[in-house]
Amino acid sequence: MSSTIIALLKKDQLTGKNYATWKSKLNMILVIADLRFVLMEECPPFLTKYASQSERDVYDRWTKANDKARLHILASMSDILSKKHEIMVTARQIIDSLREMFGQPSIQIKLEANIAHSRRFAPSSSGSEKIQKKKEGKGKGPTILLLRAKGRLR
C-alpha cells in the first residue's frame, strides 16, 4: 500500500458511527486502486490442473485484488473491528458483515438525504402560515389595498 492510501485509511478509521462516511471513502480508494470489482464479482472457480492460461489469469487477478482489498479494509478499521473480521477470507464477506452491523437500508439513507435537503432549502415561512396571513387580510398586494381604499373592492 502506498503511504498516501495508508494515511487516508488511518485518518478516519471505522468505529461504527461513521460507517456511511467510511464506506464512501473506502469505495473511492478501492476504485482508484482498481480493486472494487472484488466486492461485486464472485471468486472465480478454483483452478484444476487442466485450467487454461486465461482461467489462471482471471483467478490470479481476482485473488491478488481480493487480498489487497481485504488488507485495505482491515487497515481502515478500529483494532476491535479488525480483529473480529480478520478471519474472513474475502473482502466481500467483511463488507457484508459490516453492512449488517452498521449499515442502513439505502431507502433510509435516501429519506434522510431528502429531509436534510428540504430543510436546507425550505422557505422562511411555511405554506400554512402564508394561507393564514391571507385569511387575516395580511399579505395582500398594494393593488388590492388601493382598490379597497377607493371603495371598489370589499
C-alpha atoms as a PDB file:
ATOM      1  CA  MET A   1       0.000   0.000   0.000  1.00  0.00           C
ATOM      2  CA  SER A   2       1.268   3.434  -0.790  1.00  0.00           C
ATOM      3  CA  SER A   3       1.829   5.880   2.049  1.00  0.00           C
ATOM      4  CA  THR A   4      -0.968   8.121   0.717  1.00  0.00           C
ATOM      5  CA  ILE A   5      -3.508   5.305   0.894  1.00  0.00           C
ATOM      6  CA  ILE A   6      -2.315   4.295   4.358  1.00  0.00           C
ATOM      7  CA  ALA A   7      -2.714   7.881   5.557  1.00  0.00           C
ATOM      8  CA  LEU A   8      -6.261   8.048   4.143  1.00  0.00           C
ATOM      9  CA  LEU A   9      -7.182   4.725   5.734  1.00  0.00           C
ATOM     10  CA  LYS A  10      -5.810   5.640   9.153  1.00  0.00           C
ATOM     11  CA  LYS A  11      -7.323   9.140   9.198  1.00  0.00           C
ATOM     12  CA  ASP A  12     -10.964   8.093   9.514  1.00  0.00           C
ATOM     13  CA  GLN A  13     -10.966   4.552  10.851  1.00  0.00           C
ATOM     14  CA  LEU A  14     -14.296   2.779  11.073  1.00  0.00           C
ATOM     15  CA  THR A  15     -15.686   2.928  14.580  1.00  0.00           C
ATOM     16  CA  GLY A  16     -19.327   2.195  13.780  1.00  0.00           C
ATOM     17  CA  LYS A  17     -20.980   5.593  13.975  1.00  0.00           C
ATOM     18  CA  ASN A  18     -19.067   6.817  10.934  1.00  0.00           C
ATOM     19  CA  TYR A  19     -19.979   3.841   8.727  1.00  0.00           C
ATOM     20  CA  ALA A  20     -21.540   5.773   5.824  1.00  0.00           C
ATOM     21  CA  THR A  21     -18.626   8.208   5.528  1.00  0.00           C
ATOM     22  CA  TRP A  22     -16.069   5.435   5.981  1.00  0.00           C
ATOM     23  CA  LYS A  23     -17.694   3.268   3.314  1.00  0.00           C
ATOM     24  CA  SER A  24     -17.782   6.135   0.837  1.00  0.00           C
ATOM     25  CA  LYS A  25     -14.079   6.863   1.333  1.00  0.00           C
ATOM     26  CA  LEU A  26     -13.192   3.178   1.186  1.00  0.00           C
ATOM     27  CA  ASN A  27     -15.085   2.794  -2.092  1.00  0.00           C
ATOM     28  CA  MET A  28     -13.131   5.699  -3.573  1.00  0.00           C
ATOM     29  CA  ILE A  29      -9.836   4.142  -2.525  1.00  0.00           C
ATOM     30  CA  LEU A  30     -10.814   0.737  -3.922  1.00  0.00           C
ATOM     31  CA  VAL A  31     -11.870   2.309  -7.233  1.00  0.00           C
ATOM     32  CA  ILE A  32      -8.620   4.262  -7.527  1.00  0.00           C
ATOM     33  CA  ALA A  33      -6.613   1.107  -6.764  1.00  0.00           C
ATOM     34  CA  ASP A  34      -8.739  -0.925  -9.245  1.00  0.00           C
ATOM     35  CA  LEU A  35      -9.844  -3.318  -6.502  1.00  0.00           C
ATOM     36  CA  ARG A  36     -13.546  -2.608  -6.086  1.00  0.00           C
ATOM     37  CA  PHE A  37     -14.583  -5.339  -8.514  1.00  0.00           C
ATOM     38  CA  VAL A  38     -13.894  -7.993  -5.840  1.00  0.00           C
ATOM     39  CA  LEU A  39     -16.847  -6.637  -3.858  1.00  0.00           C
ATOM     40  CA  MET A  40     -19.195  -7.244  -6.776  1.00  0.00           C
ATOM     41  CA  GLU A  41     -17.805 -10.299  -8.553  1.00  0.00           C
ATOM     42  CA  GLU A  42     -17.777 -13.779  -7.112  1.00  0.00           C
ATOM     43  CA  CYS A  43     -14.467 -15.537  -6.735  1.00  0.00           C
ATOM     44  CA  PRO A  44     -13.712 -17.480  -9.920  1.00  0.00           C
ATOM     45  CA  PRO A  45     -13.875 -21.271  -9.565  1.00  0.00           C
ATOM     46  CA  PHE A  46     -10.815 -22.966  -8.100  1.00  0.00           C
ATOM     47  CA  LEU A  47      -8.340 -23.955 -10.727  1.00  0.00           C
ATOM     48  CA  THR A  48      -7.920 -27.503 -11.857  1.00  0.00           C
ATOM     49  CA  LYS A  49      -4.733 -28.861 -13.318  1.00  0.00           C
ATOM     50  CA  TYR A  50      -6.396 -28.573 -16.752  1.00  0.00           C
ATOM     51  CA  ALA A  51      -7.272 -24.877 -16.412  1.00  0.00           C
ATOM     52  CA  SER A  52      -6.382 -22.685 -19.372  1.00  0.00           C
ATOM     53  CA  GLN A  53      -3.964 -19.790 -19.073  1.00  0.00           C
ATOM     54  CA  SER A  54      -6.820 -17.261 -19.338  1.00  0.00           C
ATOM     55  CA  GLU A  55      -8.650 -19.005 -16.461  1.00  0.00           C
ATOM     56  CA  ARG A  56      -5.439 -18.883 -14.414  1.00  0.00           C
ATOM     57  CA  ASP A  57      -5.013 -15.180 -15.203  1.00  0.00           C
ATOM     58  CA  VAL A  58      -8.587 -14.362 -14.130  1.00  0.00           C
ATOM     59  CA  TYR A  59      -8.211 -16.363 -10.918  1.00  0.00           C
ATOM     60  CA  ASP A  60      -4.818 -14.845 -10.090  1.00  0.00           C
ATOM     61  CA  ARG A  61      -6.061 -11.297 -10.746  1.00  0.00           C
ATOM     62  CA  TRP A  62      -9.115 -11.783  -8.545  1.00  0.00           C
ATOM     63  CA  THR A  63      -7.232 -13.421  -5.649  1.00  0.00           C
ATOM     64  CA  LYS A  64      -4.480 -10.768  -5.638  1.00  0.00           C
ATOM     65  CA  ALA A  65      -7.061  -7.965  -5.798  1.00  0.00           C
ATOM     66  CA  ASN A  66      -9.082  -9.603  -3.008  1.00  0.00           C
ATOM     67  CA  ASP A  67      -6.024  -9.869  -0.773  1.00  0.00           C
ATOM     68  CA  LYS A  68      -5.200  -6.187  -1.307  1.00  0.00           C
ATOM     69  CA  ALA A  69      -8.806  -5.019  -0.834  1.00  0.00           C
ATOM     70  CA  ARG A  70      -9.117  -7.146   2.300  1.00  0.00           C
ATOM     71  CA  LEU A  71      -5.976  -5.576   3.771  1.00  0.00           C
ATOM     72  CA  HIS A  72      -7.182  -2.072   2.857  1.00  0.00           C
ATOM     73  CA  ILE A  73     -10.475  -2.743   4.629  1.00  0.00           C
ATOM     74  CA  LEU A  74      -8.877  -4.266   7.739  1.00  0.00           C
ATOM     75  CA  ALA A  75      -6.334  -1.437   7.959  1.00  0.00           C
ATOM     76  CA  SER A  76      -9.125   1.142   7.895  1.00  0.00           C
ATOM     77  CA  MET A  77     -10.973  -0.229  10.943  1.00  0.00           C
ATOM     78  CA  SER A  78     -10.563   0.124  14.655  1.00  0.00           C
ATOM     79  CA  ASP A  79      -8.467  -2.633  16.233  1.00  0.00           C
ATOM     80  CA  ILE A  80     -11.528  -4.339  17.714  1.00  0.00           C
ATOM     81  CA  LEU A  81     -13.356  -4.499  14.382  1.00  0.00           C
ATOM     82  CA  SER A  82     -10.215  -5.572  12.557  1.00  0.00           C
ATOM     83  CA  LYS A  83      -9.673  -8.479  14.975  1.00  0.00           C
ATOM     84  CA  LYS A  84     -13.284  -9.571  14.572  1.00  0.00           C
ATOM     85  CA  HIS A  85     -13.067  -9.604  10.765  1.00  0.00           C
ATOM     86  CA  GLU A  86      -9.527 -10.830  10.105  1.00  0.00           C
ATOM     87  CA  ILE A  87     -10.668 -14.460   9.909  1.00  0.00           C
ATOM     88  CA  MET A  88     -12.866 -13.689   6.894  1.00  0.00           C
ATOM     89  CA  VAL A  89     -11.368 -14.782   3.593  1.00  0.00           C
ATOM     90  CA  THR A  90     -12.897 -12.302   1.154  1.00  0.00           C
ATOM     91  CA  ALA A  91     -13.274  -8.545   1.165  1.00  0.00           C
ATOM     92  CA  ARG A  92     -16.917  -9.045   0.258  1.00  0.00           C
ATOM     93  CA  GLN A  93     -17.541 -11.115   3.408  1.00  0.00           C
ATOM     94  CA  ILE A  94     -16.089  -8.324   5.536  1.00  0.00           C
ATOM     95  CA  ILE A  95     -18.171  -5.627   3.837  1.00  0.00           C
ATOM     96  CA  ASP A  96     -21.341  -7.740   4.128  1.00  0.00           C
ATOM     97  CA  SER A  97     -20.677  -8.270   7.839  1.00  0.00           C
ATOM     98  CA  LEU A  98     -20.095  -4.551   8.392  1.00  0.00           C
ATOM     99  CA  ARG A  99     -23.261  -3.680   6.468  1.00  0.00           C
ATOM    100  CA  GLU A 100     -25.239  -5.986   8.768  1.00  0.00           C
ATOM    101  CA  MET A 101     -23.650  -4.389  11.827  1.00  0.00           C
ATOM    102  CA  PHE A 102     -23.756  -0.705  10.896  1.00  0.00           C
ATOM    103  CA  GLY A 103     -25.388  -0.162   7.538  1.00  0.00           C
ATOM    104  CA  GLN A 104     -28.763   1.365   6.906  1.00  0.00           C
ATOM    105  CA  PRO A 105     -31.043   0.312   4.109  1.00  0.00           C
ATOM    106  CA  SER A 106     -30.483   2.558   1.116  1.00  0.00           C
ATOM    107  CA  ILE A 107     -34.088   3.779   1.291  1.00  0.00           C
ATOM    108  CA  GLN A 108     -33.404   5.107   4.820  1.00  0.00           C
ATOM    109  CA  ILE A 109     -30.304   6.946   3.592  1.00  0.00           C
ATOM    110  CA  LYS A 110     -32.284   8.468   0.702  1.00  0.00           C
ATOM    111  CA  LEU A 111     -35.037   9.566   3.087  1.00  0.00           C
ATOM    112  CA  GLU A 112     -32.544  11.232   5.421  1.00  0.00           C
ATOM    113  CA  ALA A 113     -30.861  12.961   2.478  1.00  0.00           C
ATOM    114  CA  ASN A 114     -34.220  14.258   1.218  1.00  0.00           C
ATOM    115  CA  ILE A 115     -35.135  15.572   4.666  1.00  0.00           C
ATOM    116  CA  ALA A 116     -31.785  17.314   5.037  1.00  0.00           C
ATOM    117  CA  HIS A 117     -32.095  18.764   1.535  1.00  0.00           C
ATOM    118  CA  SER A 118     -35.642  20.043   2.087  1.00  0.00           C
ATOM    119  CA  ARG A 119     -34.686  21.632   5.414  1.00  0.00           C
ATOM    120  CA  ARG A 120     -31.743  23.344   3.800  1.00  0.00           C
ATOM    121  CA  PHE A 121     -33.821  24.917   1.047  1.00  0.00           C
ATOM    122  CA  ALA A 122     -37.100  25.408   2.924  1.00  0.00           C
ATOM    123  CA  PRO A 123     -38.750  28.840   2.533  1.00  0.00           C
ATOM    124  CA  SER A 124     -38.658  31.172   5.515  1.00  0.00           C
ATOM    125  CA  SER A 125     -42.338  30.670   6.297  1.00  0.00           C
ATOM    126  CA  SER A 126     -44.448  27.608   5.810  1.00  0.00           C
ATOM    127  CA  GLY A 127     -47.329  27.359   3.372  1.00  0.00           C
ATOM    128  CA  SER A 128     -49.859  27.197   6.201  1.00  0.00           C
ATOM    129  CA  GLU A 129     -48.541  30.489   7.598  1.00  0.00           C
ATOM    130  CA  LYS A 130     -48.988  32.120   4.181  1.00  0.00           C
ATOM    131  CA  ILE A 131     -52.571  30.860   3.924  1.00  0.00           C
ATOM    132  CA  GLN A 132     -53.340  32.112   7.429  1.00  0.00           C
ATOM    133  CA  LYS A 133     -51.964  35.570   6.585  1.00  0.00           C
ATOM    134  CA  LYS A 134     -54.213  35.760   3.520  1.00  0.00           C
ATOM    135  CA  LYS A 135     -57.256  34.793   5.594  1.00  0.00           C
ATOM    136  CA  GLU A 136     -56.439  37.525   8.088  1.00  0.00           C
ATOM    137  CA  GLY A 137     -56.074  40.100   5.324  1.00  0.00           C
ATOM    138  CA  LYS A 138     -52.341  40.302   5.696  1.00  0.00           C
ATOM    139  CA  GLY A 139     -50.041  39.857   2.779  1.00  0.00           C
ATOM    140  CA  LYS A 140     -52.377  41.432   0.218  1.00  0.00           C
ATOM    141  CA  GLY A 141     -50.730  43.235  -2.617  1.00  0.00           C
ATOM    142  CA  PRO A 142     -50.790  47.046  -2.982  1.00  0.00           C
ATOM    143  CA  THR A 143     -53.327  46.910  -5.850  1.00  0.00           C
ATOM    144  CA  ILE A 144     -55.971  45.198  -3.702  1.00  0.00           C
ATOM    145  CA  LEU A 145     -55.381  47.604  -0.834  1.00  0.00           C
ATOM    146  CA  LEU A 146     -55.686  50.600  -3.201  1.00  0.00           C
ATOM    147  CA  LEU A 147     -58.983  49.310  -4.652  1.00  0.00           C
ATOM    148  CA  ARG A 148     -60.358  48.737  -1.148  1.00  0.00           C
ATOM    149  CA  ALA A 149     -59.386  52.247  -0.137  1.00  0.00           C
ATOM    150  CA  LYS A 150     -61.262  53.643  -3.147  1.00  0.00           C
ATOM    151  CA  GLY A 151     -64.307  51.537  -2.279  1.00  0.00           C
ATOM    152  CA  ARG A 152     -64.245  49.461  -5.470  1.00  0.00           C
ATOM    153  CA  LEU A 153     -63.473  46.186  -3.704  1.00  0.00           C
ATOM    154  CA  ARG A 154     -64.841  44.762  -0.483  1.00  0.00           C
END
